[in-house]
Amino acid sequence: MPTVRLFVYGSLKRGGRHHSELAGARFLGDATTAPGYSLVQLGTYVALVPKGAGTVVGELFELESARLSALDDFEGPEYERVSLEVLLGAISTKALAYAKRSR
């Protein structure tokens, strides 16, 4: 089955209150976005936004691509799935992440 890499930065991280949504996903390591992202408060959660020259620290997972639909539903209408560049140690790789939906 095809897999994707998913960068998480909030409640989906290991130890986070919604990490169970990633049950069965393989932890690849701590990761950081390429420059150009920051976090903003969105209600009781934080949201990734393309803004400024900052970076966001999070975790990288590999999961079956068939699980993305359920994660889309979980994240809800305030978030959209985006592709971004992340650093896993010294290795640069593409990953998906959930970011604040641009209006």
N, C-alpha and C. Protein backbone atom coordinates (compact mmCIF):
# COMPACT_ATOMS: atom_id res chain seq x y z
N MET A 1 0.84 -1.19 0.00
CA MET A 1 0.00 0.00 0.00
C MET A 1 0.89 1.25 0.00
N PRO A 2 0.53 2.27 -0.79
CA PRO A 2 1.34 3.50 -0.85
C PRO A 2 1.36 4.23 0.50
N THR A 3 2.48 4.87 0.78
CA THR A 3 2.61 5.62 2.02
C THR A 3 2.97 7.07 1.72
N VAL A 4 2.76 7.91 2.72
CA VAL A 4 3.12 9.33 2.64
C VAL A 4 3.83 9.70 3.93
N ARG A 5 4.55 10.80 3.87
CA ARG A 5 5.18 11.36 5.06
C ARG A 5 4.31 12.51 5.54
N LEU A 6 4.09 12.55 6.85
CA LEU A 6 3.25 13.59 7.45
C LEU A 6 4.03 14.28 8.56
N PHE A 7 4.15 15.60 8.45
CA PHE A 7 4.78 16.43 9.48
C PHE A 7 3.71 16.91 10.43
N VAL A 8 3.88 16.64 11.72
CA VAL A 8 2.92 17.10 12.73
C VAL A 8 3.63 18.00 13.73
N TYR A 9 2.91 18.97 14.30
CA TYR A 9 3.53 19.99 15.13
C TYR A 9 2.73 20.32 16.37
N GLY A 10 1.57 19.72 16.56
CA GLY A 10 0.71 20.06 17.70
C GLY A 10 0.21 18.83 18.41
N SER A 11 -1.09 18.72 18.54
CA SER A 11 -1.70 17.65 19.34
C SER A 11 -1.54 16.26 18.74
N LEU A 12 -1.08 16.16 17.49
CA LEU A 12 -0.85 14.84 16.89
C LEU A 12 0.54 14.29 17.22
N LYS A 13 1.41 15.11 17.82
CA LYS A 13 2.74 14.63 18.18
C LYS A 13 2.67 13.55 19.25
N ARG A 14 3.73 12.77 19.36
CA ARG A 14 3.81 11.75 20.41
C ARG A 14 3.58 12.42 21.76
N GLY A 15 2.72 11.85 22.56
CA GLY A 15 2.38 12.42 23.86
C GLY A 15 1.28 13.45 23.78
N GLY A 16 0.89 13.87 22.58
CA GLY A 16 -0.19 14.84 22.41
C GLY A 16 -1.56 14.19 22.60
N ARG A 17 -2.54 15.01 22.90
CA ARG A 17 -3.86 14.46 23.22
C ARG A 17 -4.57 13.78 22.06
N HIS A 18 -4.13 14.03 20.82
CA HIS A 18 -4.75 13.39 19.66
C HIS A 18 -3.79 12.48 18.89
N HIS A 19 -2.69 12.12 19.52
CA HIS A 19 -1.72 11.26 18.84
C HIS A 19 -2.33 9.93 18.40
N SER A 20 -3.36 9.48 19.08
CA SER A 20 -4.00 8.21 18.72
C SER A 20 -4.56 8.23 17.29
N GLU A 21 -4.78 9.41 16.73
CA GLU A 21 -5.24 9.52 15.34
C GLU A 21 -4.18 8.98 14.37
N LEU A 22 -2.94 8.88 14.82
CA LEU A 22 -1.85 8.37 13.99
C LEU A 22 -1.51 6.91 14.33
N ALA A 23 -2.40 6.22 15.01
CA ALA A 23 -2.14 4.83 15.40
C ALA A 23 -1.69 4.02 14.18
N GLY A 24 -0.58 3.32 14.34
CA GLY A 24 -0.05 2.51 13.25
C GLY A 24 0.94 3.24 12.36
N ALA A 25 1.04 4.56 12.49
CA ALA A 25 2.00 5.32 11.70
C ALA A 25 3.40 5.07 12.25
N ARG A 26 4.39 5.13 11.39
CA ARG A 26 5.78 4.89 11.79
C ARG A 26 6.47 6.23 12.05
N PHE A 27 7.00 6.40 13.25
CA PHE A 27 7.74 7.61 13.62
C PHE A 27 9.08 7.59 12.91
N LEU A 28 9.38 8.67 12.17
CA LEU A 28 10.65 8.77 11.45
C LEU A 28 11.67 9.61 12.19
N GLY A 29 11.19 10.54 13.03
CA GLY A 29 12.11 11.36 13.80
C GLY A 29 11.62 12.77 13.99
N ASP A 30 12.36 13.51 14.80
CA ASP A 30 12.08 14.93 15.00
C ASP A 30 12.46 15.65 13.72
N ALA A 31 11.67 16.64 13.35
CA ALA A 31 11.89 17.34 12.08
C ALA A 31 11.58 18.83 12.25
N THR A 32 12.05 19.61 11.30
CA THR A 32 11.84 21.06 11.29
C THR A 32 11.47 21.48 9.88
N THR A 33 10.52 22.40 9.76
CA THR A 33 10.17 22.89 8.42
C THR A 33 11.33 23.69 7.84
N ALA A 34 11.35 23.78 6.55
CA ALA A 34 12.25 24.73 5.90
C ALA A 34 11.80 26.13 6.33
N PRO A 35 12.66 27.14 6.21
CA PRO A 35 12.25 28.50 6.57
C PRO A 35 11.01 28.95 5.80
N GLY A 36 10.18 29.76 6.46
CA GLY A 36 9.01 30.33 5.81
C GLY A 36 7.70 29.97 6.49
N TYR A 37 7.76 29.41 7.70
CA TYR A 37 6.54 28.98 8.40
C TYR A 37 6.55 29.47 9.84
N SER A 38 5.36 29.59 10.39
CA SER A 38 5.20 29.89 11.81
C SER A 38 3.91 29.26 12.29
N LEU A 39 3.68 29.34 13.60
CA LEU A 39 2.45 28.83 14.20
C LEU A 39 1.62 30.00 14.69
N VAL A 40 0.30 29.91 14.51
CA VAL A 40 -0.63 30.89 15.05
C VAL A 40 -1.66 30.15 15.89
N GLN A 41 -2.22 30.85 16.87
CA GLN A 41 -3.25 30.26 17.70
C GLN A 41 -4.56 30.26 16.94
N LEU A 42 -5.23 29.11 16.90
CA LEU A 42 -6.52 28.97 16.22
C LEU A 42 -7.46 28.32 17.22
N GLY A 43 -8.13 29.14 18.03
CA GLY A 43 -8.95 28.60 19.11
C GLY A 43 -8.04 27.97 20.15
N THR A 44 -8.29 26.71 20.48
CA THR A 44 -7.48 26.02 21.49
C THR A 44 -6.30 25.28 20.86
N TYR A 45 -6.14 25.37 19.55
CA TYR A 45 -5.07 24.67 18.84
C TYR A 45 -4.16 25.66 18.14
N VAL A 46 -2.99 25.18 17.74
CA VAL A 46 -2.11 25.99 16.91
C VAL A 46 -2.23 25.54 15.47
N ALA A 47 -1.94 26.45 14.57
CA ALA A 47 -2.03 26.14 13.14
C ALA A 47 -0.76 26.62 12.44
N LEU A 48 -0.30 25.83 11.53
CA LEU A 48 0.86 26.16 10.70
C LEU A 48 0.42 27.15 9.63
N VAL A 49 1.22 28.19 9.43
CA VAL A 49 0.94 29.16 8.37
C VAL A 49 2.24 29.49 7.64
N PRO A 50 2.15 29.69 6.31
CA PRO A 50 3.32 30.15 5.57
C PRO A 50 3.49 31.64 5.83
N LYS A 51 4.46 31.98 6.67
CA LYS A 51 4.60 33.37 7.09
C LYS A 51 6.01 33.61 7.61
N GLY A 52 6.66 34.62 7.08
CA GLY A 52 7.96 35.02 7.59
C GLY A 52 9.08 34.05 7.24
N ALA A 53 10.18 34.17 7.96
CA ALA A 53 11.36 33.36 7.69
C ALA A 53 11.59 32.30 8.75
N GLY A 54 10.61 32.12 9.65
CA GLY A 54 10.78 31.18 10.75
C GLY A 54 10.65 29.73 10.34
N THR A 55 10.92 28.86 11.28
CA THR A 55 10.75 27.42 11.10
C THR A 55 9.88 26.88 12.22
N VAL A 56 9.30 25.71 12.00
CA VAL A 56 8.46 25.07 13.01
C VAL A 56 9.05 23.70 13.30
N VAL A 57 9.18 23.39 14.57
CA VAL A 57 9.70 22.11 15.01
C VAL A 57 8.54 21.15 15.23
N GLY A 58 8.70 19.92 14.76
CA GLY A 58 7.65 18.92 14.93
C GLY A 58 8.22 17.52 14.78
N GLU A 59 7.36 16.61 14.33
CA GLU A 59 7.74 15.21 14.16
C GLU A 59 7.29 14.73 12.79
N LEU A 60 8.03 13.79 12.24
CA LEU A 60 7.73 13.25 10.92
C LEU A 60 7.31 11.79 11.06
N PHE A 61 6.20 11.44 10.42
CA PHE A 61 5.65 10.09 10.43
C PHE A 61 5.44 9.61 9.01
N GLU A 62 5.44 8.30 8.86
CA GLU A 62 5.07 7.66 7.60
C GLU A 62 3.80 6.87 7.87
N LEU A 63 2.80 7.06 7.01
CA LEU A 63 1.53 6.35 7.18
C LEU A 63 0.96 6.00 5.82
N GLU A 64 0.01 5.09 5.83
CA GLU A 64 -0.64 4.69 4.59
C GLU A 64 -1.45 5.87 4.06
N SER A 65 -1.32 6.13 2.77
CA SER A 65 -2.02 7.27 2.16
C SER A 65 -3.53 7.14 2.28
N ALA A 66 -4.04 5.93 2.41
CA ALA A 66 -5.49 5.72 2.57
C ALA A 66 -6.01 6.35 3.86
N ARG A 67 -5.14 6.63 4.81
CA ARG A 67 -5.56 7.22 6.09
C ARG A 67 -5.77 8.72 6.01
N LEU A 68 -5.34 9.34 4.91
CA LEU A 68 -5.43 10.80 4.82
C LEU A 68 -6.86 11.32 4.85
N SER A 69 -7.77 10.60 4.26
CA SER A 69 -9.17 11.05 4.25
C SER A 69 -9.71 11.18 5.68
N ALA A 70 -9.42 10.20 6.52
CA ALA A 70 -9.86 10.25 7.92
C ALA A 70 -9.18 11.41 8.66
N LEU A 71 -7.91 11.67 8.36
CA LEU A 71 -7.22 12.79 8.99
C LEU A 71 -7.77 14.13 8.50
N ASP A 72 -8.14 14.20 7.23
CA ASP A 72 -8.80 15.42 6.71
C ASP A 72 -10.06 15.71 7.52
N ASP A 73 -10.86 14.67 7.73
CA ASP A 73 -12.10 14.83 8.51
C ASP A 73 -11.78 15.24 9.94
N PHE A 74 -10.78 14.61 10.54
CA PHE A 74 -10.40 14.94 11.92
C PHE A 74 -9.95 16.40 12.02
N GLU A 75 -9.13 16.85 11.10
CA GLU A 75 -8.61 18.22 11.15
C GLU A 75 -9.71 19.25 10.93
N GLY A 76 -10.70 18.94 10.13
CA GLY A 76 -11.83 19.84 9.93
C GLY A 76 -11.59 20.94 8.92
N PRO A 77 -12.59 21.81 8.75
CA PRO A 77 -12.56 22.81 7.68
C PRO A 77 -11.58 23.96 7.88
N GLU A 78 -11.05 24.13 9.08
CA GLU A 78 -10.11 25.22 9.32
C GLU A 78 -8.71 24.91 8.82
N TYR A 79 -8.47 23.62 8.49
CA TYR A 79 -7.14 23.19 8.07
C TYR A 79 -7.19 22.60 6.67
N GLU A 80 -6.09 22.74 5.95
CA GLU A 80 -5.95 22.10 4.64
C GLU A 80 -4.62 21.36 4.59
N ARG A 81 -4.59 20.30 3.81
CA ARG A 81 -3.37 19.51 3.65
C ARG A 81 -2.49 20.21 2.62
N VAL A 82 -1.22 20.44 3.00
CA VAL A 82 -0.27 21.11 2.11
C VAL A 82 1.01 20.27 2.02
N SER A 83 1.78 20.52 0.99
CA SER A 83 3.08 19.88 0.83
C SER A 83 4.15 20.90 1.21
N LEU A 84 5.16 20.45 1.94
CA LEU A 84 6.23 21.35 2.34
C LEU A 84 7.54 20.58 2.46
N GLU A 85 8.59 21.33 2.57
CA GLU A 85 9.93 20.77 2.72
C GLU A 85 10.26 20.74 4.21
N VAL A 86 10.74 19.59 4.70
CA VAL A 86 11.15 19.49 6.09
C VAL A 86 12.56 18.92 6.16
N LEU A 87 13.22 19.22 7.26
CA LEU A 87 14.55 18.69 7.53
C LEU A 87 14.44 17.62 8.60
N LEU A 88 14.91 16.44 8.27
CA LEU A 88 14.98 15.32 9.20
C LEU A 88 16.47 15.11 9.45
N GLY A 89 16.97 15.71 10.52
CA GLY A 89 18.42 15.76 10.71
C GLY A 89 19.00 16.64 9.61
N ALA A 90 19.96 16.12 8.88
CA ALA A 90 20.59 16.88 7.78
C ALA A 90 19.94 16.58 6.44
N ILE A 91 18.89 15.73 6.44
CA ILE A 91 18.26 15.32 5.19
C ILE A 91 17.00 16.15 4.93
N SER A 92 16.92 16.73 3.75
CA SER A 92 15.75 17.49 3.33
C SER A 92 14.80 16.55 2.58
N THR A 93 13.51 16.61 2.93
CA THR A 93 12.53 15.74 2.29
C THR A 93 11.19 16.44 2.19
N LYS A 94 10.37 16.00 1.26
CA LYS A 94 9.00 16.53 1.13
C LYS A 94 8.09 15.79 2.10
N ALA A 95 7.11 16.49 2.62
CA ALA A 95 6.11 15.89 3.51
C ALA A 95 4.80 16.65 3.37
N LEU A 96 3.77 16.05 3.86
CA LEU A 96 2.48 16.71 3.96
C LEU A 96 2.34 17.26 5.37
N ALA A 97 1.51 18.27 5.53
CA ALA A 97 1.20 18.83 6.85
C ALA A 97 -0.19 19.48 6.76
N TYR A 98 -0.80 19.67 7.91
CA TYR A 98 -2.06 20.39 7.96
C TYR A 98 -1.79 21.82 8.37
N ALA A 99 -2.22 22.75 7.52
CA ALA A 99 -1.98 24.18 7.74
C ALA A 99 -3.33 24.90 7.80
N LYS A 100 -3.29 26.09 8.40
CA LYS A 100 -4.50 26.93 8.45
C LYS A 100 -4.96 27.18 7.03
N ARG A 101 -6.24 26.93 6.80
CA ARG A 101 -6.81 27.14 5.47
C ARG A 101 -6.74 28.61 5.11
N SER A 102 -6.20 28.91 3.94
CA SER A 102 -6.14 30.30 3.49
C SER A 102 -7.51 30.67 2.91
N ARG A 103 -7.95 31.84 3.21
CA ARG A 103 -9.30 32.27 2.78
C ARG A 103 -9.20 33.22 1.63
